[in-house]
Amino acid sequence: MQRKSILFALCLTVVTACGPMVRTARQEAVATTAASEAQAAADWVWTYSQAHPEGFTVDIRGREVPTEGISVAYAATQGRHSKEDLGDVVSHALAHDGYVGGWWNSEDSLYYFDSVRILPESAAGEAVTFAFENEQLAYYVLSTGEEVRIDNVIHPHEIEPSNVDGWSTVFLAGTIDQGNSKDWQQTVAAKLAGRDRRYLLYNPRQEEWHPEREGEMDYQVDWELEHMEKADHILMVFLPGSQSPITLLELGLHARSGKLLVVCTPGFYRYDNVRITCARYGVPVYGSIDKAIEALP
């Protein structure tokens, strides 16, 4: 019995000692294979990029070039532009969606590489959401080669993110005067861009207003009503020298909503009406846009 126990103990010791060594060797073999595959993919992407300086999106797993979909870059691989950087980009792509994109920046004469996600062309809202989450300024439609610029300001007829969780939404209501007034909405967007909090702005001002288009007036009014209702906050600006009848109407509609911040000064011809109405319903009134912006949570 004693000899058997000693033999069993020796066998157990050998198994215990060798087991981790065997597993480590296997892990090293897997890691070596993965590194080799990543390097081969990086070499292939680099060669492909040299032949396509105008830009590209490729499937590094299947060594294919997708021709449909919306390509959006990940923030994790931003700023990679050398052959050495390409290894990090490929490794990220292999761990995620398996796609790499590249484009030539004529401003600094550098080629930039990104790990990208490809979404269906029917899912533009999801693409915008993903672009916002990854701090991208544009996405690419592969079937047309179109670059679609995006920012945190949504106008009528523009694609909206499918998910605004984590964003504070603000409707920019107020004086437009058929596009002839001061573009105070642009000022608000610029000032909020420097904040840590993320704001998504609904701006009803269209750069090109075409009232002659069939149904355009109905669309514009419905768009404004819908977005004021769903916004977290409504920043409402009455500019001196303006009549702003629609803004006065909107003030009446949302005075009880609890989400109004009003900018109005004695220079506005109905200042007292605005002041008294806002006081009755607890709506704060500010003497400047800067003061109202400071009050935005």
C-alpha atoms as a PDB file:
ATOM      1  CA  MET A   1       0.000   0.000   0.000  1.00  0.00           C
ATOM      2  CA  GLN A   2       2.771   2.412   0.850  1.00  0.00           C
ATOM      3  CA  ARG A   3       4.575   1.846  -2.495  1.00  0.00           C
ATOM      4  CA  LYS A   4       1.313   2.427  -4.430  1.00  0.00           C
ATOM      5  CA  SER A   5       0.691   5.632  -2.516  1.00  0.00           C
ATOM      6  CA  ILE A   6       4.183   6.870  -3.309  1.00  0.00           C
ATOM      7  CA  LEU A   7       3.734   6.058  -7.020  1.00  0.00           C
ATOM      8  CA  PHE A   8       0.355   7.777  -7.089  1.00  0.00           C
ATOM      9  CA  ALA A   9       1.842  10.872  -5.444  1.00  0.00           C
ATOM     10  CA  LEU A  10       4.693  10.934  -7.950  1.00  0.00           C
ATOM     11  CA  CYS A  11       2.277  10.635 -10.888  1.00  0.00           C
ATOM     12  CA  LEU A  12       0.083  13.371  -9.449  1.00  0.00           C
ATOM     13  CA  THR A  13       3.124  15.624  -9.045  1.00  0.00           C
ATOM     14  CA  VAL A  14       4.193  15.040 -12.653  1.00  0.00           C
ATOM     15  CA  VAL A  15       0.697  15.757 -13.986  1.00  0.00           C
ATOM     16  CA  THR A  16       0.359  18.852 -11.839  1.00  0.00           C
ATOM     17  CA  ALA A  17       3.758  20.151 -12.872  1.00  0.00           C
ATOM     18  CA  CYS A  18       3.395  19.399 -16.577  1.00  0.00           C
ATOM     19  CA  GLY A  19      -0.237  20.380 -17.000  1.00  0.00           C
ATOM     20  CA  PRO A  20       0.275  24.162 -16.961  1.00  0.00           C
ATOM     21  CA  MET A  21       3.348  23.784 -19.165  1.00  0.00           C
ATOM     22  CA  VAL A  22       1.279  21.934 -21.764  1.00  0.00           C
ATOM     23  CA  ARG A  23      -1.492  24.549 -21.641  1.00  0.00           C
ATOM     24  CA  THR A  24       1.026  27.395 -21.885  1.00  0.00           C
ATOM     25  CA  ALA A  25       2.610  25.831 -24.940  1.00  0.00           C
ATOM     26  CA  ARG A  26      -0.785  25.537 -26.587  1.00  0.00           C
ATOM     27  CA  GLN A  27      -1.596  29.128 -25.758  1.00  0.00           C
ATOM     28  CA  GLU A  28       1.704  30.249 -27.194  1.00  0.00           C
ATOM     29  CA  ALA A  29       1.012  28.289 -30.379  1.00  0.00           C
ATOM     30  CA  VAL A  30      -2.418  29.890 -30.718  1.00  0.00           C
ATOM     31  CA  ALA A  31      -0.966  33.345 -30.059  1.00  0.00           C
ATOM     32  CA  THR A  32       1.769  32.760 -32.626  1.00  0.00           C
ATOM     33  CA  THR A  33      -0.773  31.656 -35.220  1.00  0.00           C
ATOM     34  CA  ALA A  34      -2.989  34.681 -34.505  1.00  0.00           C
ATOM     35  CA  ALA A  35      -0.041  37.044 -34.767  1.00  0.00           C
ATOM     36  CA  SER A  36       0.975  35.452 -38.052  1.00  0.00           C
ATOM     37  CA  GLU A  37      -2.551  35.819 -39.456  1.00  0.00           C
ATOM     38  CA  ALA A  38      -2.721  39.438 -38.312  1.00  0.00           C
ATOM     39  CA  GLN A  39       0.626  40.217 -39.901  1.00  0.00           C
ATOM     40  CA  ALA A  40      -0.411  38.566 -43.165  1.00  0.00           C
ATOM     41  CA  ALA A  41      -3.639  40.577 -43.167  1.00  0.00           C
ATOM     42  CA  ALA A  42      -1.740  43.795 -42.424  1.00  0.00           C
ATOM     43  CA  ASP A  43       0.682  43.122 -45.279  1.00  0.00           C
ATOM     44  CA  TRP A  44      -2.247  42.474 -47.630  1.00  0.00           C
ATOM     45  CA  VAL A  45      -4.019  45.694 -46.583  1.00  0.00           C
ATOM     46  CA  TRP A  46      -0.839  47.719 -47.001  1.00  0.00           C
ATOM     47  CA  THR A  47      -0.283  46.353 -50.516  1.00  0.00           C
ATOM     48  CA  TYR A  48      -3.914  47.011 -51.387  1.00  0.00           C
ATOM     49  CA  SER A  49      -3.728  50.580 -50.074  1.00  0.00           C
ATOM     50  CA  GLN A  50      -0.749  51.365 -52.301  1.00  0.00           C
ATOM     51  CA  ALA A  51      -2.807  50.412 -55.339  1.00  0.00           C
ATOM     52  CA  HIS A  52      -5.880  52.366 -54.152  1.00  0.00           C
ATOM     53  CA  PRO A  53      -4.716  55.774 -52.944  1.00  0.00           C
ATOM     54  CA  GLU A  54      -8.212  57.218 -53.408  1.00  0.00           C
ATOM     55  CA  GLY A  55      -9.475  55.167 -50.441  1.00  0.00           C
ATOM     56  CA  PHE A  56     -10.955  51.728 -49.787  1.00  0.00           C
ATOM     57  CA  THR A  57     -12.881  49.435 -47.466  1.00  0.00           C
ATOM     58  CA  VAL A  58     -11.924  45.751 -47.338  1.00  0.00           C
ATOM     59  CA  ASP A  59     -12.910  42.538 -45.624  1.00  0.00           C
ATOM     60  CA  ILE A  60      -9.620  41.303 -44.160  1.00  0.00           C
ATOM     61  CA  ARG A  61     -10.980  37.869 -43.264  1.00  0.00           C
ATOM     62  CA  GLY A  62     -12.230  36.977 -46.711  1.00  0.00           C
ATOM     63  CA  ARG A  63      -9.806  39.281 -48.600  1.00  0.00           C
ATOM     64  CA  GLU A  64     -12.822  40.795 -50.359  1.00  0.00           C
ATOM     65  CA  VAL A  65     -14.003  44.295 -51.219  1.00  0.00           C
ATOM     66  CA  PRO A  66     -17.595  44.977 -50.117  1.00  0.00           C
ATOM     67  CA  THR A  67     -19.629  47.019 -52.595  1.00  0.00           C
ATOM     68  CA  GLU A  68     -22.678  47.832 -50.469  1.00  0.00           C
ATOM     69  CA  GLY A  69     -23.288  49.168 -46.985  1.00  0.00           C
ATOM     70  CA  ILE A  70     -22.393  52.159 -44.836  1.00  0.00           C
ATOM     71  CA  SER A  71     -18.828  52.224 -43.529  1.00  0.00           C
ATOM     72  CA  VAL A  72     -18.232  53.923 -40.178  1.00  0.00           C
ATOM     73  CA  ALA A  73     -14.876  54.019 -38.367  1.00  0.00           C
ATOM     74  CA  TYR A  74     -14.193  53.062 -34.766  1.00  0.00           C
ATOM     75  CA  ALA A  75     -12.727  55.716 -32.468  1.00  0.00           C
ATOM     76  CA  ALA A  76     -10.295  53.151 -31.031  1.00  0.00           C
ATOM     77  CA  THR A  77      -8.108  53.200 -34.155  1.00  0.00           C
ATOM     78  CA  GLN A  78      -8.072  56.911 -34.887  1.00  0.00           C
ATOM     79  CA  GLY A  79      -4.826  58.529 -36.019  1.00  0.00           C
ATOM     80  CA  ARG A  80      -3.194  55.416 -37.493  1.00  0.00           C
ATOM     81  CA  HIS A  81      -1.416  56.234 -40.731  1.00  0.00           C
ATOM     82  CA  SER A  82       1.819  54.274 -41.031  1.00  0.00           C
ATOM     83  CA  LYS A  83       2.600  50.702 -42.030  1.00  0.00           C
ATOM     84  CA  GLU A  84       3.636  50.054 -38.424  1.00  0.00           C
ATOM     85  CA  ASP A  85       0.284  51.374 -37.149  1.00  0.00           C
ATOM     86  CA  LEU A  86      -1.585  49.065 -39.477  1.00  0.00           C
ATOM     87  CA  GLY A  87      -0.936  46.091 -37.191  1.00  0.00           C
ATOM     88  CA  ASP A  88      -3.020  47.690 -34.413  1.00  0.00           C
ATOM     89  CA  VAL A  89      -5.814  48.484 -36.847  1.00  0.00           C
ATOM     90  CA  VAL A  90      -5.919  44.943 -38.220  1.00  0.00           C
ATOM     91  CA  SER A  91      -5.823  43.398 -34.737  1.00  0.00           C
ATOM     92  CA  HIS A  92      -8.797  45.542 -33.685  1.00  0.00           C
ATOM     93  CA  ALA A  93     -10.682  44.648 -36.869  1.00  0.00           C
ATOM     94  CA  LEU A  94     -10.080  40.925 -36.391  1.00  0.00           C
ATOM     95  CA  ALA A  95     -11.418  41.210 -32.844  1.00  0.00           C
ATOM     96  CA  HIS A  96     -14.520  43.105 -34.005  1.00  0.00           C
ATOM     97  CA  ASP A  97     -16.140  43.336 -37.454  1.00  0.00           C
ATOM     98  CA  GLY A  98     -13.280  42.288 -39.718  1.00  0.00           C
ATOM     99  CA  TYR A  99     -13.246  45.385 -41.907  1.00  0.00           C
ATOM    100  CA  VAL A 100     -10.501  47.956 -42.490  1.00  0.00           C
ATOM    101  CA  GLY A 101     -10.889  51.271 -44.285  1.00  0.00           C
ATOM    102  CA  GLY A 102      -8.293  53.695 -45.568  1.00  0.00           C
ATOM    103  CA  TRP A 103      -8.253  57.198 -47.007  1.00  0.00           C
ATOM    104  CA  TRP A 104      -5.684  59.704 -48.175  1.00  0.00           C
ATOM    105  CA  ASN A 105      -5.618  63.042 -46.371  1.00  0.00           C
ATOM    106  CA  SER A 106      -4.379  65.641 -48.842  1.00  0.00           C
ATOM    107  CA  GLU A 107      -3.982  68.229 -46.071  1.00  0.00           C
ATOM    108  CA  ASP A 108      -1.147  66.402 -44.316  1.00  0.00           C
ATOM    109  CA  SER A 109      -0.205  63.959 -47.118  1.00  0.00           C
ATOM    110  CA  LEU A 110      -0.829  60.945 -44.891  1.00  0.00           C
ATOM    111  CA  TYR A 111      -2.825  57.772 -45.468  1.00  0.00           C
ATOM    112  CA  TYR A 112      -5.164  56.996 -42.564  1.00  0.00           C
ATOM    113  CA  PHE A 113      -6.292  53.497 -41.615  1.00  0.00           C
ATOM    114  CA  ASP A 114      -9.308  52.585 -39.479  1.00  0.00           C
ATOM    115  CA  SER A 115     -11.055  49.534 -38.173  1.00  0.00           C
ATOM    116  CA  VAL A 116     -14.604  50.022 -39.441  1.00  0.00           C
ATOM    117  CA  ARG A 117     -18.106  48.682 -39.049  1.00  0.00           C
ATOM    118  CA  ILE A 118     -20.369  48.162 -42.059  1.00  0.00           C
ATOM    119  CA  LEU A 119     -24.091  48.704 -41.601  1.00  0.00           C
ATOM    120  CA  PRO A 120     -26.870  48.142 -44.162  1.00  0.00           C
ATOM    121  CA  GLU A 121     -27.603  51.160 -46.348  1.00  0.00           C
ATOM    122  CA  SER A 122     -31.175  51.013 -45.072  1.00  0.00           C
ATOM    123  CA  ALA A 123     -29.902  51.637 -41.526  1.00  0.00           C
ATOM    124  CA  ALA A 124     -28.618  55.200 -41.902  1.00  0.00           C
ATOM    125  CA  GLY A 125     -30.001  56.149 -38.479  1.00  0.00           C
ATOM    126  CA  GLU A 126     -27.949  53.402 -36.827  1.00  0.00           C
ATOM    127  CA  ALA A 127     -24.907  54.565 -38.788  1.00  0.00           C
ATOM    128  CA  VAL A 128     -25.349  58.103 -37.471  1.00  0.00           C
ATOM    129  CA  THR A 129     -25.706  56.785 -33.923  1.00  0.00           C
ATOM    130  CA  PHE A 130     -22.532  54.707 -34.261  1.00  0.00           C
ATOM    131  CA  ALA A 131     -20.706  57.686 -35.797  1.00  0.00           C
ATOM    132  CA  PHE A 132     -21.758  59.906 -32.889  1.00  0.00           C
ATOM    133  CA  GLU A 133     -20.626  57.286 -30.369  1.00  0.00           C
ATOM    134  CA  ASN A 134     -17.227  57.075 -32.078  1.00  0.00           C
ATOM    135  CA  GLU A 135     -16.809  60.835 -32.624  1.00  0.00           C
ATOM    136  CA  GLN A 136     -16.778  60.556 -36.408  1.00  0.00           C
ATOM    137  CA  LEU A 137     -17.460  63.502 -38.713  1.00  0.00           C
ATOM    138  CA  ALA A 138     -18.617  61.418 -41.669  1.00  0.00           C
ATOM    139  CA  TYR A 139     -19.587  57.995 -42.919  1.00  0.00           C
ATOM    140  CA  TYR A 140     -19.233  56.432 -46.387  1.00  0.00           C
ATOM    141  CA  VAL A 141     -21.885  54.847 -48.594  1.00  0.00           C
ATOM    142  CA  LEU A 142     -20.039  52.061 -50.389  1.00  0.00           C
ATOM    143  CA  SER A 143     -22.446  51.602 -53.292  1.00  0.00           C
ATOM    144  CA  THR A 144     -22.132  55.247 -54.369  1.00  0.00           C
ATOM    145  CA  GLY A 145     -18.785  56.281 -52.905  1.00  0.00           C
ATOM    146  CA  GLU A 146     -20.547  59.212 -51.222  1.00  0.00           C
ATOM    147  CA  GLU A 147     -19.115  60.766 -48.076  1.00  0.00           C
ATOM    148  CA  VAL A 148     -21.918  61.933 -45.787  1.00  0.00           C
ATOM    149  CA  ARG A 149     -20.853  64.626 -43.332  1.00  0.00           C
ATOM    150  CA  ILE A 150     -22.577  64.619 -39.957  1.00  0.00           C
ATOM    151  CA  ASP A 151     -22.493  66.730 -36.826  1.00  0.00           C
ATOM    152  CA  ASN A 152     -24.581  67.182 -33.698  1.00  0.00           C
ATOM    153  CA  VAL A 153     -27.054  69.543 -35.382  1.00  0.00           C
ATOM    154  CA  ILE A 154     -30.091  67.992 -37.068  1.00  0.00           C
ATOM    155  CA  HIS A 155     -32.036  70.005 -39.659  1.00  0.00           C
ATOM    156  CA  PRO A 156     -35.269  69.083 -41.458  1.00  0.00           C
ATOM    157  CA  HIS A 157     -34.759  66.398 -44.132  1.00  0.00           C
ATOM    158  CA  GLU A 158     -31.555  65.165 -42.471  1.00  0.00           C
ATOM    159  CA  ILE A 159     -30.963  61.666 -41.152  1.00  0.00           C
ATOM    160  CA  GLU A 160     -31.285  61.383 -37.396  1.00  0.00           C
ATOM    161  CA  PRO A 161     -29.592  58.940 -35.016  1.00  0.00           C
ATOM    162  CA  SER A 162     -31.716  55.928 -34.161  1.00  0.00           C
ATOM    163  CA  ASN A 163     -30.711  56.164 -30.501  1.00  0.00           C
ATOM    164  CA  VAL A 164     -30.100  59.372 -28.512  1.00  0.00           C
ATOM    165  CA  ASP A 165     -29.461  57.745 -25.134  1.00  0.00           C
ATOM    166  CA  GLY A 166     -26.772  59.689 -23.282  1.00  0.00           C
ATOM    167  CA  TRP A 167     -27.426  62.870 -25.289  1.00  0.00           C
ATOM    168  CA  SER A 168     -29.243  65.977 -24.121  1.00  0.00           C
ATOM    169  CA  THR A 169     -31.567  67.086 -26.929  1.00  0.00           C
ATOM    170  CA  VAL A 170     -32.277  70.783 -27.453  1.00  0.00           C
ATOM    171  CA  PHE A 171     -34.726  72.352 -29.897  1.00  0.00           C
ATOM    172  CA  LEU A 172     -33.587  75.758 -31.162  1.00  0.00           C
ATOM    173  CA  ALA A 173     -36.849  77.679 -31.412  1.00  0.00           C
ATOM    174  CA  GLY A 174     -37.003  81.367 -32.209  1.00  0.00           C
ATOM    175  CA  THR A 175     -36.535  84.128 -34.727  1.00  0.00           C
ATOM    176  CA  ILE A 176     -35.647  83.077 -38.281  1.00  0.00           C
ATOM    177  CA  ASP A 177     -37.548  85.661 -40.382  1.00  0.00           C
ATOM    178  CA  GLN A 178     -37.548  83.511 -43.515  1.00  0.00           C
ATOM    179  CA  GLY A 179     -33.794  83.025 -43.145  1.00  0.00           C
ATOM    180  CA  ASN A 180     -33.064  86.765 -43.060  1.00  0.00           C
ATOM    181  CA  SER A 181     -32.344  87.114 -39.350  1.00  0.00           C
ATOM    182  CA  LYS A 182     -29.038  86.648 -37.567  1.00  0.00           C
ATOM    183  CA  ASP A 183     -28.088  82.965 -37.497  1.00  0.00           C
ATOM    184  CA  TRP A 184     -28.088  82.711 -33.719  1.00  0.00           C
ATOM    185  CA  GLN A 185     -28.581  78.926 -33.972  1.00  0.00           C
ATOM    186  CA  GLN A 186     -25.065  78.558 -35.352  1.00  0.00           C
ATOM    187  CA  THR A 187     -23.730  80.564 -32.407  1.00  0.00           C
ATOM    188  CA  VAL A 188     -25.454  78.242 -29.948  1.00  0.00           C
ATOM    189  CA  ALA A 189     -24.065  75.149 -31.683  1.00  0.00           C
ATOM    190  CA  ALA A 190     -20.530  76.542 -31.568  1.00  0.00           C
ATOM    191  CA  LYS A 191     -20.751  77.404 -27.870  1.00  0.00           C
ATOM    192  CA  LEU A 192     -22.194  74.031 -26.848  1.00  0.00           C
ATOM    193  CA  ALA A 193     -19.548  72.169 -28.850  1.00  0.00           C
ATOM    194  CA  GLY A 194     -16.964  73.050 -26.219  1.00  0.00           C
ATOM    195  CA  ARG A 195     -18.863  71.457 -23.349  1.00  0.00           C
ATOM    196  CA  ASP A 196     -18.162  68.048 -21.860  1.00  0.00           C
ATOM    197  CA  ARG A 197     -21.837  67.100 -21.997  1.00  0.00           C
ATOM    198  CA  ARG A 198     -23.090  65.827 -25.350  1.00  0.00           C
ATOM    199  CA  TYR A 199     -25.881  67.852 -26.951  1.00  0.00           C
ATOM    200  CA  LEU A 200     -27.951  66.968 -29.982  1.00  0.00           C
ATOM    201  CA  LEU A 201     -29.522  70.100 -31.444  1.00  0.00           C
ATOM    202  CA  TYR A 202     -32.712  70.238 -33.501  1.00  0.00           C
ATOM    203  CA  ASN A 203     -32.418  73.271 -35.773  1.00  0.00           C
ATOM    204  CA  PRO A 204     -35.483  74.143 -37.898  1.00  0.00           C
ATOM    205  CA  ARG A 205     -33.546  76.645 -40.034  1.00  0.00           C
ATOM    206  CA  GLN A 206     -32.975  75.205 -43.504  1.00  0.00           C
ATOM    207  CA  GLU A 207     -30.072  76.450 -45.566  1.00  0.00           C
ATOM    208  CA  GLU A 208     -32.227  76.122 -48.681  1.00  0.00           C
ATOM    209  CA  TRP A 209     -35.926  76.683 -48.084  1.00  0.00           C
ATOM    210  CA  HIS A 210     -38.166  75.590 -50.971  1.00  0.00           C
ATOM    211  CA  PRO A 211     -41.789  76.342 -50.016  1.00  0.00           C
ATOM    212  CA  GLU A 212     -42.914  75.603 -53.580  1.00  0.00           C
ATOM    213  CA  ARG A 213     -42.217  71.898 -53.146  1.00  0.00           C
ATOM    214  CA  GLU A 214     -45.360  69.844 -52.718  1.00  0.00           C
ATOM    215  CA  GLY A 215     -46.085  69.210 -49.039  1.00  0.00           C
ATOM    216  CA  GLU A 216     -43.034  71.168 -47.883  1.00  0.00           C
ATOM    217  CA  MET A 217     -44.920  73.542 -45.603  1.00  0.00           C
ATOM    218  CA  ASP A 218     -46.772  70.685 -43.920  1.00  0.00           C
ATOM    219  CA  TYR A 219     -43.517  68.776 -43.507  1.00  0.00           C
ATOM    220  CA  GLN A 220     -41.711  71.751 -41.962  1.00  0.00           C
ATOM    221  CA  VAL A 221     -44.444  72.548 -39.443  1.00  0.00           C
ATOM    222  CA  ASP A 222     -44.929  68.893 -38.480  1.00  0.00           C
ATOM    223  CA  TRP A 223     -41.147  68.461 -38.101  1.00  0.00           C
ATOM    224  CA  GLU A 224     -40.951  71.426 -35.748  1.00  0.00           C
ATOM    225  CA  LEU A 225     -43.941  70.330 -33.650  1.00  0.00           C
ATOM    226  CA  GLU A 226     -42.635  66.761 -33.380  1.00  0.00           C
ATOM    227  CA  HIS A 227     -39.114  67.753 -32.386  1.00  0.00           C
ATOM    228  CA  MET A 228     -40.205  70.338 -29.839  1.00  0.00           C
ATOM    229  CA  GLU A 229     -42.334  67.672 -28.187  1.00  0.00           C
ATOM    230  CA  LYS A 230     -39.536  65.106 -28.002  1.00  0.00           C
ATOM    231  CA  ALA A 231     -36.670  67.477 -27.093  1.00  0.00           C
ATOM    232  CA  ASP A 232     -35.388  67.563 -23.515  1.00  0.00           C
ATOM    233  CA  HIS A 233     -35.088  71.351 -23.647  1.00  0.00           C
ATOM    234  CA  ILE A 234     -36.387  74.164 -25.848  1.00  0.00           C
ATOM    235  CA  LEU A 235     -34.116  77.185 -26.192  1.00  0.00           C
ATOM    236  CA  MET A 236     -36.398  79.970 -27.456  1.00  0.00           C
ATOM    237  CA  VAL A 237     -34.925  83.237 -28.758  1.00  0.00           C
ATOM    238  CA  PHE A 238     -36.864  86.439 -29.561  1.00  0.00           C
ATOM    239  CA  LEU A 239     -34.597  88.837 -31.444  1.00  0.00           C
ATOM    240  CA  PRO A 240     -35.247  92.603 -31.193  1.00  0.00           C
ATOM    241  CA  GLY A 241     -36.741  94.073 -34.349  1.00  0.00           C
ATOM    242  CA  SER A 242     -38.503  90.844 -35.256  1.00  0.00           C
ATOM    243  CA  GLN A 243     -42.222  89.993 -35.188  1.00  0.00           C
ATOM    244  CA  SER A 244     -41.647  86.225 -34.620  1.00  0.00           C
ATOM    245  CA  PRO A 245     -45.349  85.267 -34.645  1.00  0.00           C
ATOM    246  CA  ILE A 246     -44.622  81.534 -34.902  1.00  0.00           C
ATOM    247  CA  THR A 247     -42.286  81.690 -31.907  1.00  0.00           C
ATOM    248  CA  LEU A 248     -45.008  83.433 -29.871  1.00  0.00           C
ATOM    249  CA  LEU A 249     -47.364  80.599 -30.827  1.00  0.00           C
ATOM    250  CA  GLU A 250     -44.772  78.030 -29.749  1.00  0.00           C
ATOM    251  CA  LEU A 251     -44.296  79.846 -26.442  1.00  0.00           C
ATOM    252  CA  GLY A 252     -47.988  79.378 -25.734  1.00  0.00           C
ATOM    253  CA  LEU A 253     -47.854  75.713 -26.702  1.00  0.00           C
ATOM    254  CA  HIS A 254     -44.931  74.860 -24.409  1.00  0.00           C
ATOM    255  CA  ALA A 255     -45.222  77.340 -21.535  1.00  0.00           C
ATOM    256  CA  ARG A 256     -46.377  74.539 -19.221  1.00  0.00           C
ATOM    257  CA  SER A 257     -43.828  71.951 -20.438  1.00  0.00           C
ATOM    258  CA  GLY A 258     -41.088  72.767 -17.930  1.00  0.00           C
ATOM    259  CA  LYS A 259     -38.398  72.612 -20.607  1.00  0.00           C
ATOM    260  CA  LEU A 260     -38.356  76.182 -21.932  1.00  0.00           C
ATOM    261  CA  LEU A 261     -35.434  78.603 -21.632  1.00  0.00           C
ATOM    262  CA  VAL A 262     -36.430  81.947 -23.150  1.00  0.00           C
ATOM    263  CA  VAL A 263     -34.155  84.726 -24.379  1.00  0.00           C
ATOM    264  CA  CYS A 264     -35.984  88.026 -24.679  1.00  0.00           C
ATOM    265  CA  THR A 265     -35.073  91.689 -24.017  1.00  0.00           C
ATOM    266  CA  PRO A 266     -37.085  94.955 -23.854  1.00  0.00           C
ATOM    267  CA  GLY A 267     -36.110  95.530 -27.501  1.00  0.00           C
ATOM    268  CA  PHE A 268     -38.649  92.911 -28.574  1.00  0.00           C
ATOM    269  CA  TYR A 269     -41.995  94.568 -29.330  1.00  0.00           C
ATOM    270  CA  ARG A 270     -43.973  92.065 -27.238  1.00  0.00           C
ATOM    271  CA  TYR A 271     -41.469  91.839 -24.438  1.00  0.00           C
ATOM    272  CA  ASP A 272     -44.033  92.487 -21.695  1.00  0.00           C
ATOM    273  CA  ASN A 273     -46.338  89.770 -23.025  1.00  0.00           C
ATOM    274  CA  VAL A 274     -43.438  87.313 -23.051  1.00  0.00           C
ATOM    275  CA  ARG A 275     -42.211  88.407 -19.624  1.00  0.00           C
ATOM    276  CA  ILE A 276     -45.621  88.195 -17.952  1.00  0.00           C
ATOM    277  CA  THR A 277     -46.557  84.860 -19.533  1.00  0.00           C
ATOM    278  CA  CYS A 278     -43.229  83.294 -18.572  1.00  0.00           C
ATOM    279  CA  ALA A 279     -43.534  84.589 -15.003  1.00  0.00           C
ATOM    280  CA  ARG A 280     -46.974  83.037 -14.665  1.00  0.00           C
ATOM    281  CA  TYR A 281     -45.787  79.594 -15.734  1.00  0.00           C
ATOM    282  CA  GLY A 282     -42.345  79.632 -14.136  1.00  0.00           C
ATOM    283  CA  VAL A 283     -40.405  79.902 -17.403  1.00  0.00           C
ATOM    284  CA  PRO A 284     -36.947  81.486 -16.954  1.00  0.00           C
ATOM    285  CA  VAL A 285     -36.214  84.527 -19.137  1.00  0.00           C
ATOM    286  CA  TYR A 286     -32.623  85.522 -19.949  1.00  0.00           C
ATOM    287  CA  GLY A 287     -31.217  88.743 -21.283  1.00  0.00           C
ATOM    288  CA  SER A 288     -28.708  87.027 -23.582  1.00  0.00           C
ATOM    289  CA  ILE A 289     -28.095  83.766 -25.396  1.00  0.00           C
ATOM    290  CA  ASP A 290     -24.904  83.248 -23.391  1.00  0.00           C
ATOM    291  CA  LYS A 291     -26.862  83.375 -20.113  1.00  0.00           C
ATOM    292  CA  ALA A 292     -29.398  80.868 -21.397  1.00  0.00           C
ATOM    293  CA  ILE A 293     -26.658  78.515 -22.571  1.00  0.00           C
ATOM    294  CA  GLU A 294     -25.015  78.685 -19.143  1.00  0.00           C
ATOM    295  CA  ALA A 295     -28.330  77.609 -17.628  1.00  0.00           C
ATOM    296  CA  LEU A 296     -28.649  74.536 -19.841  1.00  0.00           C
ATOM    297  CA  PRO A 297     -28.060  71.426 -17.712  1.00  0.00           C
END
